[in-house]
Structures are given as structure tokens and as C-alpha cells.
Amino acid sequence: MGLFSFLKSAGSKVFGKVEHKEAEAPAEITAEKLNLLHAVVKGLHLPVEDLSLELQGDKVVVYGQTESQQDKEKVILALGNVEGIAQVDDRISVTLPEPEAKFYEVEPGDSLSKIAKKYYGDAMKYTEIFEANKPMLKDPNKIYPGQVLRIPPLED
């Protein structure tokens, strides 16, 4: 569990037209945003039971249970990599604990191979990072500054 920070101005534009209706009915807008965030997580097809979200301004609190640390981290990243979300408060429990991955914020000029060289000492291990961030990443060449990625420990 923990609080994870993200670049609020970077990420997928999930909220789209909802942002422009902010002044109309705040409770309805919050409910609409929660539905959109729920859809982001459900779209990953990760096995998260009792998924529940709360939106507190630009922070989303996420509850649920999953078997793997990897699935938990993917949920956190999927929510945090939404434009307009600055923090994710993780309350997801994991039934089969395993080592945590590191999180890395992509900088201008980065590539997965450059990141792999930094963390693993081998640029060709970029596929490890790509695989660890599926299904959020669909193409290893399409990362953007401000995006946060999982950097898993290498298996022996």
C-alpha cells in the first residue's frame, strides 16, 4: 500500500469532454469520471476482485484484491497514467506477495532500450520492460514523457 505520484498533465485523455462540464454538476461529473476510470481498469482484463475507486480531486483511491504484485502495479499505473490524475492511493491487497517492481517516469528522449540499459545494464532487455507494461503498452516505440512504467526485477 502506498501513495504514488504521477504527472497530472500527462497521460491518456480518458476524461475528454467531462473536464469541460466541471461547473455543471460536480457530483455527476465525479461519478462519470469514476465510471471512466473503472473502464480503464476493466479494459486491462486483470483479475482484480472487489475493485472499488474513490475520486478525491486529482487523487484516486483504489481498493480490491488480486493474486499478483504485477497485476496490482498495472492497476496503479493504468490509473496514474490518466491525464488529470496526480496521485493513486493504493489499497489493493495481494494474496501471493512477490518482489515489487520499480516505477520509472519517462523523460524526453527516453526509449525502452535506454531505460533497460539504465536498470539492467543491457539495452536488449527492453522487451522485459515492454512485457511488464502490457496491456497498457501496445507498441515498444510508443512511450511519452511523464508516463510511468513498471521496471520489474529480472528473474534469475
C-alpha atoms as a PDB file:
ATOM      1  CA  MET A   1       0.000   0.000   0.000  1.00  0.00           C
ATOM      2  CA  GLY A   2       1.124   3.494  -0.636  1.00  0.00           C
ATOM      3  CA  LEU A   3       0.634   6.796  -2.325  1.00  0.00           C
ATOM      4  CA  PHE A   4       2.056   7.104  -5.827  1.00  0.00           C
ATOM      5  CA  SER A   5       2.565  10.425  -7.604  1.00  0.00           C
ATOM      6  CA  PHE A   6       2.100  10.995 -11.319  1.00  0.00           C
ATOM      7  CA  LEU A   7       2.425  13.913 -13.709  1.00  0.00           C
ATOM      8  CA  LYS A   8      -1.124  15.291 -13.781  1.00  0.00           C
ATOM      9  CA  SER A   9      -0.721  16.874 -17.217  1.00  0.00           C
ATOM     10  CA  ALA A  10       0.493  13.674 -18.928  1.00  0.00           C
ATOM     11  CA  GLY A  11      -1.375  10.518 -19.800  1.00  0.00           C
ATOM     12  CA  SER A  12      -4.275   9.194 -21.765  1.00  0.00           C
ATOM     13  CA  LYS A  13      -7.116  11.634 -22.216  1.00  0.00           C
ATOM     14  CA  VAL A  14      -9.793   9.434 -20.680  1.00  0.00           C
ATOM     15  CA  PHE A  15     -11.895  12.262 -19.271  1.00  0.00           C
ATOM     16  CA  GLY A  16     -12.181  14.102 -22.598  1.00  0.00           C
ATOM     17  CA  LYS A  17     -15.349  16.195 -22.622  1.00  0.00           C
ATOM     18  CA  VAL A  18     -16.062  15.565 -18.927  1.00  0.00           C
ATOM     19  CA  GLU A  19     -13.431  18.146 -17.938  1.00  0.00           C
ATOM     20  CA  HIS A  20     -15.337  20.894 -19.751  1.00  0.00           C
ATOM     21  CA  LYS A  21     -18.523  20.235 -17.750  1.00  0.00           C
ATOM     22  CA  GLU A  22     -16.873  20.669 -14.305  1.00  0.00           C
ATOM     23  CA  ALA A  23     -19.054  23.621 -13.227  1.00  0.00           C
ATOM     24  CA  GLU A  24     -22.358  21.945 -14.129  1.00  0.00           C
ATOM     25  CA  ALA A  25     -22.981  19.214 -11.540  1.00  0.00           C
ATOM     26  CA  PRO A  26     -19.861  18.239  -9.564  1.00  0.00           C
ATOM     27  CA  ALA A  27     -21.346  15.029  -8.121  1.00  0.00           C
ATOM     28  CA  GLU A  28     -22.436  13.807 -11.554  1.00  0.00           C
ATOM     29  CA  ILE A  29     -19.065  14.705 -13.065  1.00  0.00           C
ATOM     30  CA  THR A  30     -17.250  12.802 -10.315  1.00  0.00           C
ATOM     31  CA  ALA A  31     -19.484   9.762 -10.921  1.00  0.00           C
ATOM     32  CA  GLU A  32     -18.820   9.987 -14.669  1.00  0.00           C
ATOM     33  CA  LYS A  33     -15.055  10.199 -14.091  1.00  0.00           C
ATOM     34  CA  LEU A  34     -15.201   7.198 -11.743  1.00  0.00           C
ATOM     35  CA  ASN A  35     -17.038   5.208 -14.406  1.00  0.00           C
ATOM     36  CA  LEU A  36     -14.366   6.122 -16.953  1.00  0.00           C
ATOM     37  CA  LEU A  37     -11.551   5.136 -14.561  1.00  0.00           C
ATOM     38  CA  HIS A  38     -13.335   1.871 -13.800  1.00  0.00           C
ATOM     39  CA  ALA A  39     -13.500   1.206 -17.549  1.00  0.00           C
ATOM     40  CA  VAL A  40      -9.740   1.807 -17.856  1.00  0.00           C
ATOM     41  CA  VAL A  41      -9.026  -0.911 -15.271  1.00  0.00           C
ATOM     42  CA  LYS A  42     -11.668  -3.314 -16.590  1.00  0.00           C
ATOM     43  CA  GLY A  43     -10.241  -2.865 -20.105  1.00  0.00           C
ATOM     44  CA  LEU A  44      -6.979  -4.410 -18.930  1.00  0.00           C
ATOM     45  CA  HIS A  45      -8.741  -7.686 -18.107  1.00  0.00           C
ATOM     46  CA  LEU A  46      -6.727  -8.110 -14.925  1.00  0.00           C
ATOM     47  CA  PRO A  47      -8.052 -10.409 -12.185  1.00  0.00           C
ATOM     48  CA  VAL A  48      -8.958  -7.821  -9.540  1.00  0.00           C
ATOM     49  CA  GLU A  49     -11.764  -8.763  -7.181  1.00  0.00           C
ATOM     50  CA  ASP A  50     -13.995  -6.228  -5.439  1.00  0.00           C
ATOM     51  CA  LEU A  51     -12.500  -3.321  -7.381  1.00  0.00           C
ATOM     52  CA  SER A  52     -13.605  -0.032  -5.880  1.00  0.00           C
ATOM     53  CA  LEU A  53     -12.480   3.513  -6.652  1.00  0.00           C
ATOM     54  CA  GLU A  54     -12.868   6.847  -4.882  1.00  0.00           C
ATOM     55  CA  LEU A  55     -12.013  10.146  -6.541  1.00  0.00           C
ATOM     56  CA  GLN A  56     -10.721  12.924  -4.283  1.00  0.00           C
ATOM     57  CA  GLY A  57      -9.888  15.832  -6.560  1.00  0.00           C
ATOM     58  CA  ASP A  58      -6.917  14.694  -8.650  1.00  0.00           C
ATOM     59  CA  LYS A  59      -6.267  11.648  -6.431  1.00  0.00           C
ATOM     60  CA  VAL A  60      -7.860   8.251  -6.954  1.00  0.00           C
ATOM     61  CA  VAL A  61      -8.050   5.722  -4.124  1.00  0.00           C
ATOM     62  CA  VAL A  62      -8.183   2.124  -5.369  1.00  0.00           C
ATOM     63  CA  TYR A  63      -9.347  -0.891  -3.354  1.00  0.00           C
ATOM     64  CA  GLY A  64      -9.537  -4.574  -4.262  1.00  0.00           C
ATOM     65  CA  GLN A  65      -7.748  -7.892  -4.121  1.00  0.00           C
ATOM     66  CA  THR A  66      -5.549  -9.627  -6.653  1.00  0.00           C
ATOM     67  CA  GLU A  67      -3.186 -12.583  -6.613  1.00  0.00           C
ATOM     68  CA  SER A  68      -0.068 -10.931  -8.036  1.00  0.00           C
ATOM     69  CA  GLN A  69       2.014  -7.862  -7.311  1.00  0.00           C
ATOM     70  CA  GLN A  70       2.322  -7.399 -11.070  1.00  0.00           C
ATOM     71  CA  ASP A  71      -1.447  -7.025 -11.531  1.00  0.00           C
ATOM     72  CA  LYS A  72      -1.630  -4.621  -8.606  1.00  0.00           C
ATOM     73  CA  GLU A  73       1.117  -2.449 -10.099  1.00  0.00           C
ATOM     74  CA  LYS A  74      -0.540  -2.453 -13.514  1.00  0.00           C
ATOM     75  CA  VAL A  75      -3.781  -1.163 -11.991  1.00  0.00           C
ATOM     76  CA  ILE A  76      -1.882   1.630 -10.203  1.00  0.00           C
ATOM     77  CA  LEU A  77      -0.083   2.610 -13.406  1.00  0.00           C
ATOM     78  CA  ALA A  78      -3.203   2.445 -15.569  1.00  0.00           C
ATOM     79  CA  LEU A  79      -4.987   4.847 -13.219  1.00  0.00           C
ATOM     80  CA  GLY A  80      -1.987   7.128 -12.690  1.00  0.00           C
ATOM     81  CA  ASN A  81      -1.248   7.394 -16.396  1.00  0.00           C
ATOM     82  CA  VAL A  82      -4.574   9.148 -16.977  1.00  0.00           C
ATOM     83  CA  GLU A  83      -4.363  12.865 -17.663  1.00  0.00           C
ATOM     84  CA  GLY A  84      -5.829  14.713 -14.676  1.00  0.00           C
ATOM     85  CA  ILE A  85      -4.758  12.140 -12.082  1.00  0.00           C
ATOM     86  CA  ALA A  86      -1.832  13.278  -9.924  1.00  0.00           C
ATOM     87  CA  GLN A  87      -1.884  10.567  -7.248  1.00  0.00           C
ATOM     88  CA  VAL A  88      -3.019   6.992  -6.777  1.00  0.00           C
ATOM     89  CA  ASP A  89      -3.606   5.825  -3.213  1.00  0.00           C
ATOM     90  CA  ASP A  90      -3.116   2.071  -3.387  1.00  0.00           C
ATOM     91  CA  ARG A  91      -5.277  -0.022  -1.069  1.00  0.00           C
ATOM     92  CA  ILE A  92      -5.146  -3.230  -3.147  1.00  0.00           C
ATOM     93  CA  SER A  93      -4.221  -6.393  -1.270  1.00  0.00           C
ATOM     94  CA  VAL A  94      -2.108  -9.132  -2.870  1.00  0.00           C
ATOM     95  CA  THR A  95      -2.680 -12.776  -1.911  1.00  0.00           C
ATOM     96  CA  LEU A  96       0.632 -14.109  -3.308  1.00  0.00           C
ATOM     97  CA  PRO A  97       3.264 -11.460  -2.487  1.00  0.00           C
ATOM     98  CA  GLU A  98       6.339 -11.156  -4.693  1.00  0.00           C
ATOM     99  CA  PRO A  99       9.094  -8.528  -5.102  1.00  0.00           C
ATOM    100  CA  GLU A 100       7.844  -5.087  -6.089  1.00  0.00           C
ATOM    101  CA  ALA A 101       8.836  -3.505  -9.363  1.00  0.00           C
ATOM    102  CA  LYS A 102      10.388  -0.056  -9.530  1.00  0.00           C
ATOM    103  CA  PHE A 103       8.407   2.704 -11.175  1.00  0.00           C
ATOM    104  CA  TYR A 104      10.121   4.974 -13.687  1.00  0.00           C
ATOM    105  CA  GLU A 105       8.830   8.257 -15.128  1.00  0.00           C
ATOM    106  CA  VAL A 106       9.710   8.535 -18.806  1.00  0.00           C
ATOM    107  CA  GLU A 107      11.813  11.578 -19.672  1.00  0.00           C
ATOM    108  CA  PRO A 108      12.195  13.333 -23.047  1.00  0.00           C
ATOM    109  CA  GLY A 109      14.498  11.312 -25.289  1.00  0.00           C
ATOM    110  CA  ASP A 110      13.894   8.030 -23.465  1.00  0.00           C
ATOM    111  CA  SER A 111      13.306   4.717 -25.200  1.00  0.00           C
ATOM    112  CA  LEU A 112      12.649   1.329 -23.668  1.00  0.00           C
ATOM    113  CA  SER A 113      16.167   0.219 -24.643  1.00  0.00           C
ATOM    114  CA  LYS A 114      17.712   3.283 -22.973  1.00  0.00           C
ATOM    115  CA  ILE A 115      15.698   2.555 -19.813  1.00  0.00           C
ATOM    116  CA  ALA A 116      16.696  -1.136 -19.952  1.00  0.00           C
ATOM    117  CA  LYS A 117      20.367  -0.140 -20.243  1.00  0.00           C
ATOM    118  CA  LYS A 118      19.991   2.069 -17.156  1.00  0.00           C
ATOM    119  CA  TYR A 119      18.237  -0.551 -14.991  1.00  0.00           C
ATOM    120  CA  TYR A 120      19.552  -3.850 -16.354  1.00  0.00           C
ATOM    121  CA  GLY A 121      22.847  -2.875 -17.982  1.00  0.00           C
ATOM    122  CA  ASP A 122      21.616  -4.319 -21.291  1.00  0.00           C
ATOM    123  CA  ALA A 123      19.615  -2.327 -23.846  1.00  0.00           C
ATOM    124  CA  MET A 124      18.321  -5.553 -25.432  1.00  0.00           C
ATOM    125  CA  LYS A 125      16.355  -6.323 -22.277  1.00  0.00           C
ATOM    126  CA  TYR A 126      13.840  -3.646 -23.316  1.00  0.00           C
ATOM    127  CA  THR A 127      11.423  -6.496 -24.006  1.00  0.00           C
ATOM    128  CA  GLU A 128      11.316  -7.223 -20.252  1.00  0.00           C
ATOM    129  CA  ILE A 129      10.022  -3.703 -19.649  1.00  0.00           C
ATOM    130  CA  PHE A 130       7.627  -3.873 -22.598  1.00  0.00           C
ATOM    131  CA  GLU A 131       6.149  -7.187 -21.426  1.00  0.00           C
ATOM    132  CA  ALA A 132       5.886  -5.899 -17.846  1.00  0.00           C
ATOM    133  CA  ASN A 133       3.761  -2.986 -19.036  1.00  0.00           C
ATOM    134  CA  LYS A 134       1.340  -4.861 -21.283  1.00  0.00           C
ATOM    135  CA  PRO A 135      -1.544  -4.349 -21.925  1.00  0.00           C
ATOM    136  CA  MET A 136      -1.031  -0.634 -21.154  1.00  0.00           C
ATOM    137  CA  LEU A 137       1.741  -0.507 -23.771  1.00  0.00           C
ATOM    138  CA  LYS A 138       0.774  -1.746 -27.189  1.00  0.00           C
ATOM    139  CA  ASP A 139       3.985  -0.762 -29.027  1.00  0.00           C
ATOM    140  CA  PRO A 140       7.511  -0.596 -27.537  1.00  0.00           C
ATOM    141  CA  ASN A 141       8.180   2.573 -29.555  1.00  0.00           C
ATOM    142  CA  LYS A 142       5.195   4.488 -28.177  1.00  0.00           C
ATOM    143  CA  ILE A 143       6.123   5.859 -24.787  1.00  0.00           C
ATOM    144  CA  TYR A 144       5.836   9.523 -23.820  1.00  0.00           C
ATOM    145  CA  PRO A 145       7.440  11.905 -21.311  1.00  0.00           C
ATOM    146  CA  GLY A 146       5.624  11.820 -17.990  1.00  0.00           C
ATOM    147  CA  GLN A 147       4.366   8.264 -18.469  1.00  0.00           C
ATOM    148  CA  VAL A 148       5.216   5.957 -15.581  1.00  0.00           C
ATOM    149  CA  LEU A 149       6.401   2.415 -16.355  1.00  0.00           C
ATOM    150  CA  ARG A 150       6.966  -0.745 -14.304  1.00  0.00           C
ATOM    151  CA  ILE A 151      10.593  -1.898 -14.149  1.00  0.00           C
ATOM    152  CA  PRO A 152      10.396  -5.426 -12.749  1.00  0.00           C
ATOM    153  CA  PRO A 153      13.342  -7.175 -11.133  1.00  0.00           C
ATOM    154  CA  LEU A 154      14.998  -9.600 -13.531  1.00  0.00           C
ATOM    155  CA  GLU A 155      14.357 -13.249 -12.838  1.00  0.00           C
ATOM    156  CA  ASP A 156      17.435 -15.363 -12.300  1.00  0.00           C
END
